[in-house]
Amino acid sequence: MISLLARLFIKTDGQSPAAVRKAYGILCGAVGIGFNVLLFLGKFFAGTISGSIAITADAFNNLSDAGSSFVTMLGFQLAGQKPDSDHPFGHGRIEYLSGLAVSLLILLMGFELGRSSVEKILHPEPVDSSPLVIVILCVSIAVKLYMTFYNRRLGKQLNSAAMEATGMDSLSDSVATSAVLLATLVGHFTGLMIDGWCGILVAAFILWSGFNAAKDTLNPLLGMPPTPEFVEEIRQIVMAHKSILGIHDLIVHDYGPGRVMISLHAEVSASASVLDLHDEIDNVEKELQDTLGCHAVIHMDPIVIDDGITQETRERVAALVRCIDDQISIHDFRMVVGPTHTNVIFDAVVPFGFRLTDAEVVEKIQAAVRTLDGNYFAVVNAERSYT
């Protein structure tokens, strides 16, 4: 159905990927509103004729889902706005905010369902299970599973946390309705009133789903590292250029889907032509833009490669640092020779949560460097990796 509607209402010819993505988000939001309003009307009718509080509560849950779909649709609309003077990096993070809003609605639904389930356990009531009620609940489960499928599929395809959160919401709804259906059938055939107990289990599942959905939308808002696959793509593109000898201090700035900036330091030969290197760096930045769709800023770090002593000392220092811990790496290595001692200057990249403090790491490295030569003094800057 979504594919058919997309062919009818979404034009891809001559449209940018961002515009197509926005159109898909708005279409899915509109379809979600329509489905949820119809489910609300059907369940409210079923709850009224059966006298089931659980079905009626599930109906109003679908009405709140229509609000969630509206939030998702609004999020895509606002996130698709062009950059302006107040927001030069665009409005893409609004989509993360809309996903967070949907997650909060899921959590609210879980709390409300848990509260009403406890009341149902304390004050159980028989529930009517006419064929019409059973049919309405079965149709509702099928529709919600379909909504789960298309929201999660498009969410992954479009890299949309908001749509994936909406898909999780639909899955929670299908589980909740399945529990209502199970309790209705058990009550009909055995006389056991387990409506409230089923509601408690469903509420716990919904709260767990809401927590995971909130985490998935909060992480990019707070700032999370890029995936190892994305880092490797960047590394392969950059290192394919012969003038670049190594990269470090890679930072990926996420301003919303399709709005990613990259900054990194590229090690180049200190004896090469600055103009030639600048031209090469420009080519790398353009290739990153064309291949990955990311705006890149690259800083050149000149290193000495034709001085045998510096090169040999760097390799020996790197080996000593790896002996302290193989998770530590070094870069920006240089030597400054003085009349009484030689400063060996470099940065050491230490992983987050490392067993030693920065001061302890620096102290161990300085002691290790002194074992190479008593006149060597290590000037070390301990830093963290953003990947």
Protein backbone atom coordinates (compact mmCIF):
# COMPACT_ATOMS: atom_id res chain seq x y z
CA MET A 1 0.00 0.00 0.00
CA ILE A 2 2.78 2.43 0.93
CA SER A 3 4.57 1.60 -2.32
CA LEU A 4 1.38 2.30 -4.30
CA LEU A 5 0.78 5.62 -2.51
CA ALA A 6 4.44 6.55 -3.00
CA ARG A 7 4.13 6.02 -6.75
CA LEU A 8 1.01 8.18 -6.81
CA PHE A 9 2.10 11.05 -4.56
CA ILE A 10 5.92 11.11 -4.43
CA LYS A 11 7.83 12.44 -7.40
CA THR A 12 11.44 11.31 -7.54
CA ASP A 13 12.46 12.74 -10.93
CA GLY A 14 14.63 15.79 -10.44
CA GLN A 15 14.14 15.72 -6.66
CA SER A 16 17.01 15.74 -4.19
CA PRO A 17 17.42 12.73 -1.83
CA ALA A 18 16.49 15.02 1.09
CA ALA A 19 13.23 16.06 -0.61
CA VAL A 20 12.29 12.44 -1.39
CA ARG A 21 13.09 11.44 2.18
CA LYS A 22 10.91 14.22 3.54
CA ALA A 23 8.04 13.19 1.25
CA TYR A 24 8.23 9.57 2.45
CA GLY A 25 8.20 10.71 6.08
CA ILE A 26 5.14 12.90 5.59
CA LEU A 27 3.32 10.16 3.62
CA CYS A 28 3.96 7.54 6.32
CA GLY A 29 2.82 9.98 9.00
CA ALA A 30 -0.41 10.69 7.14
CA VAL A 31 -1.10 6.97 6.60
CA GLY A 32 -0.43 6.36 10.29
CA ILE A 33 -2.95 9.01 11.28
CA GLY A 34 -5.59 7.48 9.02
CA PHE A 35 -5.04 3.92 10.24
CA ASN A 36 -5.03 4.89 13.91
CA VAL A 37 -8.21 6.96 13.67
CA LEU A 38 -10.02 4.03 12.00
CA LEU A 39 -8.70 1.64 14.67
CA PHE A 40 -9.87 3.99 17.41
CA LEU A 41 -13.40 4.11 16.00
CA GLY A 42 -13.56 0.32 15.58
CA LYS A 43 -12.18 -0.50 19.04
CA PHE A 44 -14.25 2.14 20.77
CA PHE A 45 -17.35 0.58 19.24
CA ALA A 46 -16.18 -2.92 20.26
CA GLY A 47 -15.37 -1.77 23.79
CA THR A 48 -18.77 -0.12 24.16
CA ILE A 49 -20.80 -3.16 23.08
CA SER A 50 -18.63 -5.65 25.04
CA GLY A 51 -18.25 -3.63 28.22
CA SER A 52 -14.47 -4.24 28.15
CA ILE A 53 -12.37 -1.54 29.77
CA ALA A 54 -9.25 -3.07 28.22
CA ILE A 55 -10.61 -2.73 24.67
CA THR A 56 -11.80 0.82 25.31
CA ALA A 57 -8.41 1.75 26.77
CA ASP A 58 -6.73 0.16 23.73
CA ALA A 59 -8.97 2.32 21.52
CA PHE A 60 -7.78 5.53 23.18
CA ASN A 61 -4.24 4.22 22.89
CA ASN A 62 -4.76 4.18 19.10
CA LEU A 63 -6.05 7.74 19.29
CA SER A 64 -2.81 8.74 21.03
CA ASP A 65 -0.94 6.86 18.28
CA ALA A 66 -2.60 9.13 15.75
CA GLY A 67 -1.01 11.97 17.70
CA SER A 68 2.35 10.17 17.51
CA SER A 69 2.01 9.85 13.74
CA PHE A 70 1.21 13.56 13.56
CA VAL A 71 4.35 14.32 15.58
CA THR A 72 6.41 12.17 13.19
CA MET A 73 4.91 13.89 10.15
CA LEU A 74 5.50 17.33 11.67
CA GLY A 75 9.07 16.32 12.55
CA PHE A 76 9.84 15.43 8.92
CA GLN A 77 8.24 18.66 7.72
CA LEU A 78 10.28 20.85 10.10
CA ALA A 79 13.49 18.84 9.69
CA GLY A 80 13.30 19.31 5.92
CA GLN A 81 13.59 23.10 6.17
CA LYS A 82 16.62 24.64 4.51
CA PRO A 83 19.47 26.06 6.61
CA ASP A 84 19.09 29.68 7.64
CA SER A 85 21.09 32.32 9.50
CA ASP A 86 19.93 31.00 12.88
CA HIS A 87 20.52 27.34 12.00
CA PRO A 88 23.35 27.18 9.43
CA PHE A 89 23.62 23.39 9.78
CA GLY A 90 19.94 22.86 8.98
CA HIS A 91 17.07 21.55 11.10
CA GLY A 92 17.70 17.81 10.80
CA ARG A 93 17.88 17.19 14.55
CA ILE A 94 14.20 18.08 14.85
CA GLU A 95 13.59 14.58 13.52
CA TYR A 96 15.41 13.15 16.55
CA LEU A 97 13.24 15.33 18.80
CA SER A 98 10.07 14.02 17.17
CA GLY A 99 11.31 10.46 17.70
CA LEU A 100 11.93 11.29 21.36
CA ALA A 101 8.40 12.67 21.66
CA VAL A 102 6.99 9.43 20.24
CA SER A 103 9.12 7.47 22.73
CA LEU A 104 7.73 9.51 25.63
CA LEU A 105 4.19 8.81 24.40
CA ILE A 106 5.02 5.08 24.39
CA LEU A 107 6.26 5.31 28.00
CA LEU A 108 3.14 7.24 29.02
CA MET A 109 0.97 4.58 27.42
CA GLY A 110 2.85 1.87 29.31
CA PHE A 111 2.33 3.61 32.65
CA GLU A 112 -1.37 4.21 31.98
CA LEU A 113 -1.91 0.61 30.84
CA GLY A 114 -0.14 -0.66 33.96
CA ARG A 115 -2.32 1.51 36.20
CA SER A 116 -5.57 0.41 34.55
CA SER A 117 -4.41 -3.23 34.66
CA VAL A 118 -3.87 -3.05 38.42
CA GLU A 119 -7.39 -1.65 38.81
CA LYS A 120 -8.70 -4.50 36.65
CA ILE A 121 -6.94 -7.06 38.88
CA LEU A 122 -8.42 -5.51 42.03
CA HIS A 123 -11.89 -5.19 40.53
CA PRO A 124 -12.32 -7.90 37.85
CA GLU A 125 -15.36 -7.79 35.57
CA PRO A 126 -16.62 -10.31 32.97
CA VAL A 127 -16.03 -9.32 29.35
CA ASP A 128 -18.35 -9.99 26.43
CA SER A 129 -16.67 -11.86 23.56
CA SER A 130 -19.02 -11.62 20.62
CA PRO A 131 -17.72 -12.59 17.15
CA LEU A 132 -17.75 -8.93 16.09
CA VAL A 133 -15.42 -7.98 18.96
CA ILE A 134 -13.04 -10.83 18.06
CA VAL A 135 -12.98 -9.80 14.40
CA ILE A 136 -12.26 -6.14 15.26
CA LEU A 137 -9.36 -7.15 17.53
CA CYS A 138 -7.90 -9.50 14.91
CA VAL A 139 -8.11 -6.81 12.22
CA SER A 140 -6.45 -4.35 14.59
CA ILE A 141 -3.53 -6.73 15.22
CA ALA A 142 -3.05 -7.29 11.49
CA VAL A 143 -3.10 -3.54 10.73
CA LYS A 144 -0.63 -2.76 13.52
CA LEU A 145 1.74 -5.48 12.34
CA TYR A 146 1.61 -4.01 8.84
CA MET A 147 2.34 -0.56 10.27
CA THR A 148 5.26 -2.04 12.20
CA PHE A 149 6.63 -3.57 9.00
CA TYR A 150 6.49 -0.48 6.81
CA ASN A 151 7.65 1.96 9.51
CA ARG A 152 10.66 -0.12 10.48
CA ARG A 153 11.55 -0.96 6.87
CA LEU A 154 11.44 2.68 5.77
CA GLY A 155 13.04 3.77 9.04
CA LYS A 156 16.11 1.67 8.26
CA GLN A 157 16.05 2.61 4.58
CA LEU A 158 15.86 6.35 5.35
CA ASN A 159 17.99 6.15 8.52
CA SER A 160 15.14 7.72 10.50
CA ALA A 161 15.09 7.24 14.28
CA ALA A 162 11.60 8.81 14.39
CA MET A 163 10.12 6.25 12.00
CA GLU A 164 11.82 3.36 13.79
CA ALA A 165 10.35 4.64 17.07
CA THR A 166 6.92 4.76 15.43
CA GLY A 167 7.45 1.19 14.21
CA MET A 168 8.28 0.10 17.76
CA ASP A 169 5.13 1.87 18.93
CA SER A 170 3.05 -0.09 16.42
CA LEU A 171 4.67 -3.36 17.53
CA SER A 172 3.83 -2.51 21.15
CA ASP A 173 0.23 -1.86 20.13
CA SER A 174 -0.06 -5.20 18.33
CA VAL A 175 1.25 -7.02 21.41
CA ALA A 176 -1.14 -5.08 23.67
CA THR A 177 -4.12 -5.91 21.46
CA SER A 178 -3.03 -9.56 21.26
CA ALA A 179 -3.07 -9.68 25.07
CA VAL A 180 -6.56 -8.16 25.12
CA LEU A 181 -7.69 -10.76 22.56
CA LEU A 182 -6.11 -13.59 24.59
CA ALA A 183 -7.73 -12.41 27.81
CA THR A 184 -11.11 -12.12 26.03
CA LEU A 185 -10.89 -15.67 24.64
CA VAL A 186 -9.68 -17.16 27.94
CA GLY A 187 -12.51 -15.42 29.77
CA HIS A 188 -15.04 -16.74 27.26
CA PHE A 189 -13.92 -20.39 27.30
CA THR A 190 -12.79 -20.82 30.93
CA GLY A 191 -14.48 -18.05 32.88
CA LEU A 192 -11.05 -16.90 34.18
CA MET A 193 -10.71 -13.12 34.27
CA ILE A 194 -7.03 -12.60 33.39
CA ASP A 195 -7.56 -9.30 31.59
CA GLY A 196 -5.65 -7.35 34.25
CA TRP A 197 -2.73 -9.79 34.47
CA CYS A 198 -2.25 -9.77 30.70
CA GLY A 199 -2.34 -5.98 30.86
CA ILE A 200 0.51 -5.94 33.40
CA LEU A 201 2.71 -8.07 31.13
CA VAL A 202 1.92 -5.91 28.11
CA ALA A 203 2.60 -2.73 30.08
CA ALA A 204 6.05 -4.05 31.02
CA PHE A 205 6.79 -4.85 27.36
CA ILE A 206 5.62 -1.40 26.25
CA LEU A 207 7.77 0.35 28.88
CA TRP A 208 10.79 -1.66 27.74
CA SER A 209 10.08 -0.75 24.09
CA GLY A 210 9.65 2.92 25.00
CA PHE A 211 12.93 2.96 26.90
CA ASN A 212 14.83 1.47 23.94
CA ALA A 213 13.18 3.87 21.50
CA ALA A 214 14.06 6.84 23.73
CA LYS A 215 17.67 5.66 23.96
CA ASP A 216 17.92 5.35 20.17
CA THR A 217 16.77 8.96 19.72
CA LEU A 218 18.67 10.45 22.67
CA ASN A 219 22.05 9.05 21.63
CA PRO A 220 22.38 11.09 18.41
CA LEU A 221 21.10 14.19 20.23
CA LEU A 222 23.74 13.84 22.95
CA GLY A 223 26.44 12.88 20.47
CA MET A 224 27.51 9.33 19.68
CA PRO A 225 30.54 7.90 17.88
CA PRO A 226 30.23 6.93 14.20
CA THR A 227 29.93 3.27 13.31
CA PRO A 228 33.20 1.39 12.70
CA GLU A 229 32.04 0.75 9.12
CA PHE A 230 31.64 4.48 8.45
CA VAL A 231 35.06 5.23 9.98
CA GLU A 232 36.62 2.57 7.79
CA GLU A 233 34.98 4.07 4.68
CA ILE A 234 36.48 7.46 5.52
CA ARG A 235 39.89 5.92 6.21
CA GLN A 236 39.95 4.04 2.90
CA ILE A 237 38.99 7.13 0.88
CA VAL A 238 41.58 9.35 2.57
CA MET A 239 44.42 6.83 2.66
CA ALA A 240 43.97 6.02 -1.04
CA HIS A 241 45.82 9.29 -1.74
CA LYS A 242 49.58 8.70 -1.73
CA SER A 243 50.46 12.07 -0.24
CA ILE A 244 48.62 11.20 2.99
CA LEU A 245 50.68 9.04 5.33
CA GLY A 246 48.19 8.64 8.18
CA ILE A 247 45.09 10.14 9.78
CA HIS A 248 44.03 10.87 13.35
CA ASP A 249 41.71 13.09 15.41
CA LEU A 250 38.75 12.07 13.23
CA ILE A 251 35.50 13.69 14.42
CA VAL A 252 32.09 13.09 12.84
CA HIS A 253 29.52 15.80 13.56
CA ASP A 254 25.91 14.64 13.12
CA TYR A 255 23.38 17.42 12.50
CA GLY A 256 20.60 15.07 11.47
CA PRO A 257 20.13 12.45 8.74
CA GLY A 258 21.94 13.52 5.60
CA ARG A 259 23.69 16.39 7.43
CA VAL A 260 27.08 15.09 8.51
CA MET A 261 30.36 16.99 8.81
CA ILE A 262 33.81 15.41 9.11
CA SER A 263 36.99 16.90 10.52
CA LEU A 264 40.30 15.06 10.67
CA HIS A 265 44.07 15.54 10.74
CA ALA A 266 46.06 14.13 7.84
CA GLU A 267 49.77 13.42 8.22
CA VAL A 268 51.83 14.58 5.24
CA SER A 269 55.52 14.84 4.48
CA ALA A 270 57.13 17.96 5.94
CA SER A 271 59.43 18.22 2.90
CA ALA A 272 56.66 18.17 0.26
CA SER A 273 55.37 21.26 -1.53
CA VAL A 274 52.69 23.04 0.51
CA LEU A 275 50.82 24.04 -2.64
CA ASP A 276 50.79 20.47 -3.95
CA LEU A 277 49.61 19.14 -0.57
CA HIS A 278 46.89 21.77 -0.36
CA ASP A 279 45.62 20.76 -3.78
CA GLU A 280 45.63 17.08 -2.75
CA ILE A 281 43.71 17.85 0.47
CA ASP A 282 41.10 19.74 -1.57
CA ASN A 283 40.67 16.66 -3.75
CA VAL A 284 40.19 14.43 -0.70
CA GLU A 285 37.56 16.78 0.76
CA LYS A 286 35.68 16.79 -2.54
CA GLU A 287 35.83 12.99 -2.79
CA LEU A 288 34.40 12.62 0.72
CA GLN A 289 31.59 15.00 -0.25
CA ASP A 290 30.82 13.17 -3.49
CA THR A 291 31.12 9.63 -2.09
CA LEU A 292 29.69 9.92 1.42
CA GLY A 293 27.70 13.16 1.16
CA CYS A 294 29.68 14.66 4.02
CA HIS A 295 31.24 18.12 4.23
CA ALA A 296 34.86 17.57 5.27
CA VAL A 297 37.52 19.80 6.83
CA ILE A 298 41.05 18.37 6.84
CA HIS A 299 44.00 19.77 8.79
CA MET A 300 47.49 18.98 7.52
CA ASP A 301 50.03 17.69 10.05
CA PRO A 302 53.57 17.71 8.61
CA ILE A 303 55.80 14.87 9.79
CA VAL A 304 59.47 14.21 9.16
CA ILE A 305 59.98 11.11 7.02
CA ASP A 306 63.50 11.69 5.64
CA ASP A 307 65.25 11.92 9.02
CA GLY A 308 66.39 8.43 9.99
CA ILE A 309 66.83 9.23 13.69
CA THR A 310 63.34 10.75 14.06
CA GLN A 311 61.71 7.91 12.16
CA GLU A 312 63.52 5.23 14.14
CA THR A 313 62.79 6.93 17.47
CA ARG A 314 59.13 7.24 16.59
CA GLU A 315 58.86 3.54 15.85
CA ARG A 316 60.65 2.61 19.08
CA VAL A 317 58.47 4.97 21.16
CA ALA A 318 55.33 3.56 19.54
CA ALA A 319 56.47 0.04 20.43
CA LEU A 320 57.10 1.07 24.05
CA VAL A 321 53.66 2.68 24.28
CA ARG A 322 52.04 -0.49 22.96
CA CYS A 323 53.83 -2.40 25.72
CA ILE A 324 52.01 -0.22 28.26
CA ASP A 325 48.72 -1.05 26.51
CA ASP A 326 48.03 -1.92 22.88
CA GLN A 327 44.93 0.30 22.91
CA ILE A 328 47.12 3.44 23.11
CA SER A 329 48.38 5.00 19.87
CA ILE A 330 50.59 8.03 19.16
CA HIS A 331 50.71 10.72 16.49
CA ASP A 332 52.16 14.18 15.74
CA PHE A 333 55.62 12.92 16.66
CA ARG A 334 58.57 15.32 16.49
CA MET A 335 61.94 15.86 18.18
CA VAL A 336 63.48 19.15 19.33
CA VAL A 337 67.20 18.81 20.05
CA GLY A 338 68.68 21.09 22.73
CA PRO A 339 72.14 21.54 24.28
CA THR A 340 71.34 19.43 27.37
CA HIS A 341 68.40 17.22 26.37
CA THR A 342 66.05 16.35 23.53
CA ASN A 343 62.30 16.91 23.77
CA VAL A 344 60.32 14.08 22.24
CA ILE A 345 56.90 15.59 21.60
CA PHE A 346 53.78 13.67 20.61
CA ASP A 347 50.09 13.02 21.36
CA ALA A 348 48.90 9.75 22.92
CA VAL A 349 45.33 8.62 22.19
CA VAL A 350 43.83 6.86 25.22
CA PRO A 351 40.44 5.08 25.04
CA PHE A 352 37.52 6.19 27.21
CA GLY A 353 37.19 4.28 30.48
CA PHE A 354 40.88 3.36 30.45
CA ARG A 355 42.22 1.71 33.61
CA LEU A 356 44.79 4.51 34.16
CA THR A 357 44.27 8.25 34.53
CA ASP A 358 45.77 10.62 31.97
CA ALA A 359 48.47 11.63 34.47
CA GLU A 360 49.38 7.99 35.08
CA VAL A 361 49.54 7.30 31.34
CA VAL A 362 51.82 10.29 30.76
CA GLU A 363 54.06 9.28 33.68
CA LYS A 364 54.46 5.71 32.37
CA ILE A 365 55.21 6.93 28.84
CA GLN A 366 57.79 9.43 30.08
CA ALA A 367 59.51 6.70 32.10
CA ALA A 368 59.50 4.38 29.07
CA VAL A 369 61.00 7.06 26.79
CA ARG A 370 63.82 7.70 29.29
CA THR A 371 64.83 4.05 28.92
CA LEU A 372 65.66 4.75 25.26
CA ASP A 373 68.05 7.55 26.11
CA GLY A 374 68.68 9.35 29.37
CA ASN A 375 68.69 12.68 27.50
CA TYR A 376 65.22 12.16 26.05
CA PHE A 377 62.34 13.95 27.76
CA ALA A 378 58.83 13.06 26.58
CA VAL A 379 56.35 15.92 26.26
CA VAL A 380 53.11 13.98 25.99
CA ASN A 381 49.54 15.20 25.49
CA ALA A 382 46.97 12.54 26.43
CA GLU A 383 43.74 12.79 24.44
CA ARG A 384 40.59 10.78 23.69
CA SER A 385 39.39 9.31 20.41
CA TYR A 386 35.99 10.42 19.05
CA THR A 387 35.53 7.24 17.02
